[in-house]
Amino acid sequence: MTRIALLTTALALGANAALAATPAATPTPPARSHAAMPARDDASADRMTKALNLLEANGYAAFSNFKSDGKDFTASVTKDGHNMTLLVDPDADKVTVES
Protein backbone atom coordinates (compact mmCIF):
# COMPACT_ATOMS: atom_id res chain seq x y z
CA MET A 1 0.00 0.00 0.00
CA THR A 2 2.88 2.37 0.78
CA ARG A 3 4.38 1.74 -2.64
CA ILE A 4 1.12 2.70 -4.33
CA ALA A 5 0.93 5.89 -2.27
CA LEU A 6 4.56 6.77 -3.09
CA LEU A 7 4.01 5.99 -6.77
CA THR A 8 0.84 8.09 -6.91
CA THR A 9 2.62 11.00 -5.19
CA ALA A 10 5.59 10.74 -7.56
CA LEU A 11 3.32 10.71 -10.59
CA ALA A 12 1.35 13.68 -9.31
CA LEU A 13 4.53 15.68 -8.65
CA GLY A 14 5.91 14.75 -12.07
CA ALA A 15 2.71 15.87 -13.80
CA ASN A 16 2.76 19.21 -11.96
CA ALA A 17 6.41 19.74 -12.89
CA ALA A 18 5.64 18.96 -16.53
CA LEU A 19 2.77 21.44 -16.54
CA ALA A 20 4.94 24.12 -14.97
CA ALA A 21 7.62 23.57 -17.63
CA THR A 22 5.14 24.01 -20.49
CA PRO A 23 5.38 27.57 -21.80
CA ALA A 24 2.23 29.61 -21.76
CA ALA A 25 0.59 30.26 -25.10
CA THR A 26 1.88 33.37 -26.80
CA PRO A 27 -0.85 35.99 -26.92
CA THR A 28 -2.04 36.91 -30.38
CA PRO A 29 -1.44 40.57 -31.21
CA PRO A 30 -4.59 42.59 -31.79
CA ALA A 31 -5.78 42.86 -35.36
CA ARG A 32 -4.91 46.12 -37.11
CA SER A 33 -7.86 48.32 -37.71
CA HIS A 34 -8.32 50.18 -40.96
CA ALA A 35 -9.82 53.00 -38.92
CA ALA A 36 -6.31 54.00 -37.82
CA MET A 37 -5.23 54.59 -41.42
CA PRO A 38 -5.79 58.04 -42.89
CA ALA A 39 -8.88 58.24 -45.03
CA ARG A 40 -8.43 58.92 -48.73
CA ASP A 41 -11.32 59.22 -51.09
CA ASP A 42 -11.46 56.83 -54.03
CA ALA A 43 -11.19 59.59 -56.64
CA SER A 44 -7.91 60.83 -55.15
CA ALA A 45 -6.50 57.31 -54.91
CA ASP A 46 -7.55 56.60 -58.51
CA ARG A 47 -5.81 59.77 -59.76
CA MET A 48 -2.63 58.83 -57.88
CA THR A 49 -2.68 55.31 -59.33
CA LYS A 50 -3.24 56.70 -62.82
CA ALA A 51 -0.30 59.11 -62.37
CA LEU A 52 1.99 56.27 -61.27
CA ASN A 53 0.86 54.17 -64.23
CA LEU A 54 1.58 57.09 -66.60
CA LEU A 55 5.14 57.35 -65.27
CA GLU A 56 5.71 53.66 -65.85
CA ALA A 57 4.08 53.72 -69.30
CA ASN A 58 6.44 56.53 -70.30
CA GLY A 59 9.52 54.52 -69.30
CA TYR A 60 10.11 56.00 -65.85
CA ALA A 61 10.19 52.80 -63.81
CA ALA A 62 12.75 54.16 -61.31
CA PHE A 63 11.65 57.41 -59.73
CA SER A 64 11.53 58.97 -56.30
CA ASN A 65 9.96 61.81 -54.36
CA PHE A 66 6.54 61.17 -55.90
CA LYS A 67 4.08 63.62 -54.34
CA SER A 68 0.98 65.65 -54.92
CA ASP A 69 1.48 69.14 -56.36
CA GLY A 70 -1.87 70.87 -56.50
CA LYS A 71 -4.08 68.88 -58.85
CA ASP A 72 -1.02 67.24 -60.44
CA PHE A 73 1.85 65.10 -59.16
CA THR A 74 5.64 65.51 -59.31
CA ALA A 75 8.41 62.94 -59.31
CA SER A 76 12.19 63.05 -59.45
CA VAL A 77 13.75 60.80 -62.09
CA THR A 78 17.09 60.07 -63.70
CA LYS A 79 17.05 59.31 -67.39
CA ASP A 80 20.09 59.01 -69.66
CA GLY A 81 22.27 60.28 -66.81
CA HIS A 82 20.22 63.46 -66.31
CA ASN A 83 18.26 64.26 -63.15
CA MET A 84 14.93 65.88 -63.78
CA THR A 85 11.59 66.60 -62.17
CA LEU A 86 8.45 65.49 -63.96
CA LEU A 87 4.98 66.92 -63.70
CA VAL A 88 2.23 64.33 -64.13
CA ASP A 89 -1.32 65.34 -65.01
CA PRO A 90 -3.39 62.16 -64.77
CA ASP A 91 -6.54 63.89 -66.04
CA ALA A 92 -4.85 64.85 -69.33
CA ASP A 93 -2.70 61.68 -69.51
CA LYS A 94 0.34 63.97 -69.72
CA VAL A 95 3.90 63.75 -68.34
CA THR A 96 6.07 66.84 -68.81
CA VAL A 97 9.64 67.64 -67.78
CA GLU A 98 9.89 70.58 -65.35
CA SER A 99 13.67 70.72 -65.02
C-alpha atoms as a PDB file:
ATOM      1  CA  MET A   1       0.000   0.000   0.000  1.00  0.00           C
ATOM      2  CA  THR A   2       2.879   2.365   0.781  1.00  0.00           C
ATOM      3  CA  ARG A   3       4.379   1.739  -2.636  1.00  0.00           C
ATOM      4  CA  ILE A   4       1.124   2.703  -4.330  1.00  0.00           C
ATOM      5  CA  ALA A   5       0.928   5.892  -2.272  1.00  0.00           C
ATOM      6  CA  LEU A   6       4.560   6.770  -3.094  1.00  0.00           C
ATOM      7  CA  LEU A   7       4.013   5.993  -6.768  1.00  0.00           C
ATOM      8  CA  THR A   8       0.840   8.093  -6.908  1.00  0.00           C
ATOM      9  CA  THR A   9       2.617  10.996  -5.188  1.00  0.00           C
ATOM     10  CA  ALA A  10       5.593  10.742  -7.556  1.00  0.00           C
ATOM     11  CA  LEU A  11       3.316  10.709 -10.592  1.00  0.00           C
ATOM     12  CA  ALA A  12       1.351  13.681  -9.311  1.00  0.00           C
ATOM     13  CA  LEU A  13       4.527  15.678  -8.646  1.00  0.00           C
ATOM     14  CA  GLY A  14       5.908  14.747 -12.067  1.00  0.00           C
ATOM     15  CA  ALA A  15       2.713  15.868 -13.797  1.00  0.00           C
ATOM     16  CA  ASN A  16       2.764  19.214 -11.957  1.00  0.00           C
ATOM     17  CA  ALA A  17       6.410  19.740 -12.893  1.00  0.00           C
ATOM     18  CA  ALA A  18       5.641  18.964 -16.533  1.00  0.00           C
ATOM     19  CA  LEU A  19       2.766  21.438 -16.544  1.00  0.00           C
ATOM     20  CA  ALA A  20       4.936  24.120 -14.975  1.00  0.00           C
ATOM     21  CA  ALA A  21       7.624  23.569 -17.626  1.00  0.00           C
ATOM     22  CA  THR A  22       5.144  24.008 -20.487  1.00  0.00           C
ATOM     23  CA  PRO A  23       5.378  27.572 -21.801  1.00  0.00           C
ATOM     24  CA  ALA A  24       2.228  29.613 -21.763  1.00  0.00           C
ATOM     25  CA  ALA A  25       0.587  30.257 -25.098  1.00  0.00           C
ATOM     26  CA  THR A  26       1.885  33.374 -26.803  1.00  0.00           C
ATOM     27  CA  PRO A  27      -0.854  35.987 -26.922  1.00  0.00           C
ATOM     28  CA  THR A  28      -2.043  36.906 -30.379  1.00  0.00           C
ATOM     29  CA  PRO A  29      -1.440  40.567 -31.214  1.00  0.00           C
ATOM     30  CA  PRO A  30      -4.592  42.589 -31.791  1.00  0.00           C
ATOM     31  CA  ALA A  31      -5.779  42.863 -35.358  1.00  0.00           C
ATOM     32  CA  ARG A  32      -4.909  46.118 -37.111  1.00  0.00           C
ATOM     33  CA  SER A  33      -7.858  48.320 -37.712  1.00  0.00           C
ATOM     34  CA  HIS A  34      -8.319  50.180 -40.962  1.00  0.00           C
ATOM     35  CA  ALA A  35      -9.824  52.997 -38.917  1.00  0.00           C
ATOM     36  CA  ALA A  36      -6.307  53.996 -37.820  1.00  0.00           C
ATOM     37  CA  MET A  37      -5.229  54.586 -41.417  1.00  0.00           C
ATOM     38  CA  PRO A  38      -5.793  58.038 -42.894  1.00  0.00           C
ATOM     39  CA  ALA A  39      -8.876  58.239 -45.031  1.00  0.00           C
ATOM     40  CA  ARG A  40      -8.434  58.922 -48.728  1.00  0.00           C
ATOM     41  CA  ASP A  41     -11.324  59.217 -51.091  1.00  0.00           C
ATOM     42  CA  ASP A  42     -11.459  56.828 -54.025  1.00  0.00           C
ATOM     43  CA  ALA A  43     -11.188  59.589 -56.645  1.00  0.00           C
ATOM     44  CA  SER A  44      -7.909  60.834 -55.147  1.00  0.00           C
ATOM     45  CA  ALA A  45      -6.501  57.308 -54.913  1.00  0.00           C
ATOM     46  CA  ASP A  46      -7.554  56.598 -58.510  1.00  0.00           C
ATOM     47  CA  ARG A  47      -5.810  59.769 -59.758  1.00  0.00           C
ATOM     48  CA  MET A  48      -2.633  58.831 -57.883  1.00  0.00           C
ATOM     49  CA  THR A  49      -2.683  55.309 -59.329  1.00  0.00           C
ATOM     50  CA  LYS A  50      -3.238  56.701 -62.818  1.00  0.00           C
ATOM     51  CA  ALA A  51      -0.298  59.114 -62.370  1.00  0.00           C
ATOM     52  CA  LEU A  52       1.990  56.273 -61.271  1.00  0.00           C
ATOM     53  CA  ASN A  53       0.865  54.172 -64.230  1.00  0.00           C
ATOM     54  CA  LEU A  54       1.581  57.087 -66.596  1.00  0.00           C
ATOM     55  CA  LEU A  55       5.139  57.348 -65.269  1.00  0.00           C
ATOM     56  CA  GLU A  56       5.710  53.661 -65.849  1.00  0.00           C
ATOM     57  CA  ALA A  57       4.077  53.724 -69.297  1.00  0.00           C
ATOM     58  CA  ASN A  58       6.441  56.531 -70.301  1.00  0.00           C
ATOM     59  CA  GLY A  59       9.518  54.523 -69.299  1.00  0.00           C
ATOM     60  CA  TYR A  60      10.114  56.005 -65.850  1.00  0.00           C
ATOM     61  CA  ALA A  61      10.193  52.804 -63.808  1.00  0.00           C
ATOM     62  CA  ALA A  62      12.753  54.158 -61.308  1.00  0.00           C
ATOM     63  CA  PHE A  63      11.648  57.415 -59.726  1.00  0.00           C
ATOM     64  CA  SER A  64      11.530  58.968 -56.296  1.00  0.00           C
ATOM     65  CA  ASN A  65       9.963  61.809 -54.359  1.00  0.00           C
ATOM     66  CA  PHE A  66       6.542  61.166 -55.902  1.00  0.00           C
ATOM     67  CA  LYS A  67       4.080  63.616 -54.343  1.00  0.00           C
ATOM     68  CA  SER A  68       0.978  65.647 -54.924  1.00  0.00           C
ATOM     69  CA  ASP A  69       1.477  69.137 -56.356  1.00  0.00           C
ATOM     70  CA  GLY A  70      -1.875  70.871 -56.495  1.00  0.00           C
ATOM     71  CA  LYS A  71      -4.078  68.879 -58.849  1.00  0.00           C
ATOM     72  CA  ASP A  72      -1.017  67.237 -60.444  1.00  0.00           C
ATOM     73  CA  PHE A  73       1.853  65.103 -59.156  1.00  0.00           C
ATOM     74  CA  THR A  74       5.636  65.510 -59.309  1.00  0.00           C
ATOM     75  CA  ALA A  75       8.406  62.936 -59.308  1.00  0.00           C
ATOM     76  CA  SER A  76      12.193  63.053 -59.449  1.00  0.00           C
ATOM     77  CA  VAL A  77      13.751  60.804 -62.094  1.00  0.00           C
ATOM     78  CA  THR A  78      17.091  60.067 -63.699  1.00  0.00           C
ATOM     79  CA  LYS A  79      17.054  59.308 -67.394  1.00  0.00           C
ATOM     80  CA  ASP A  80      20.087  59.013 -69.660  1.00  0.00           C
ATOM     81  CA  GLY A  81      22.275  60.279 -66.809  1.00  0.00           C
ATOM     82  CA  HIS A  82      20.223  63.456 -66.314  1.00  0.00           C
ATOM     83  CA  ASN A  83      18.265  64.258 -63.153  1.00  0.00           C
ATOM     84  CA  MET A  84      14.930  65.881 -63.780  1.00  0.00           C
ATOM     85  CA  THR A  85      11.590  66.596 -62.170  1.00  0.00           C
ATOM     86  CA  LEU A  86       8.449  65.485 -63.958  1.00  0.00           C
ATOM     87  CA  LEU A  87       4.976  66.924 -63.698  1.00  0.00           C
ATOM     88  CA  VAL A  88       2.229  64.328 -64.134  1.00  0.00           C
ATOM     89  CA  ASP A  89      -1.321  65.342 -65.006  1.00  0.00           C
ATOM     90  CA  PRO A  90      -3.395  62.159 -64.771  1.00  0.00           C
ATOM     91  CA  ASP A  91      -6.545  63.889 -66.041  1.00  0.00           C
ATOM     92  CA  ALA A  92      -4.853  64.851 -69.334  1.00  0.00           C
ATOM     93  CA  ASP A  93      -2.698  61.677 -69.507  1.00  0.00           C
ATOM     94  CA  LYS A  94       0.343  63.970 -69.724  1.00  0.00           C
ATOM     95  CA  VAL A  95       3.895  63.746 -68.335  1.00  0.00           C
ATOM     96  CA  THR A  96       6.073  66.842 -68.813  1.00  0.00           C
ATOM     97  CA  VAL A  97       9.643  67.641 -67.776  1.00  0.00           C
ATOM     98  CA  GLU A  98       9.891  70.583 -65.354  1.00  0.00           C
ATOM     99  CA  SER A  99      13.670  70.720 -65.020  1.00  0.00           C
END
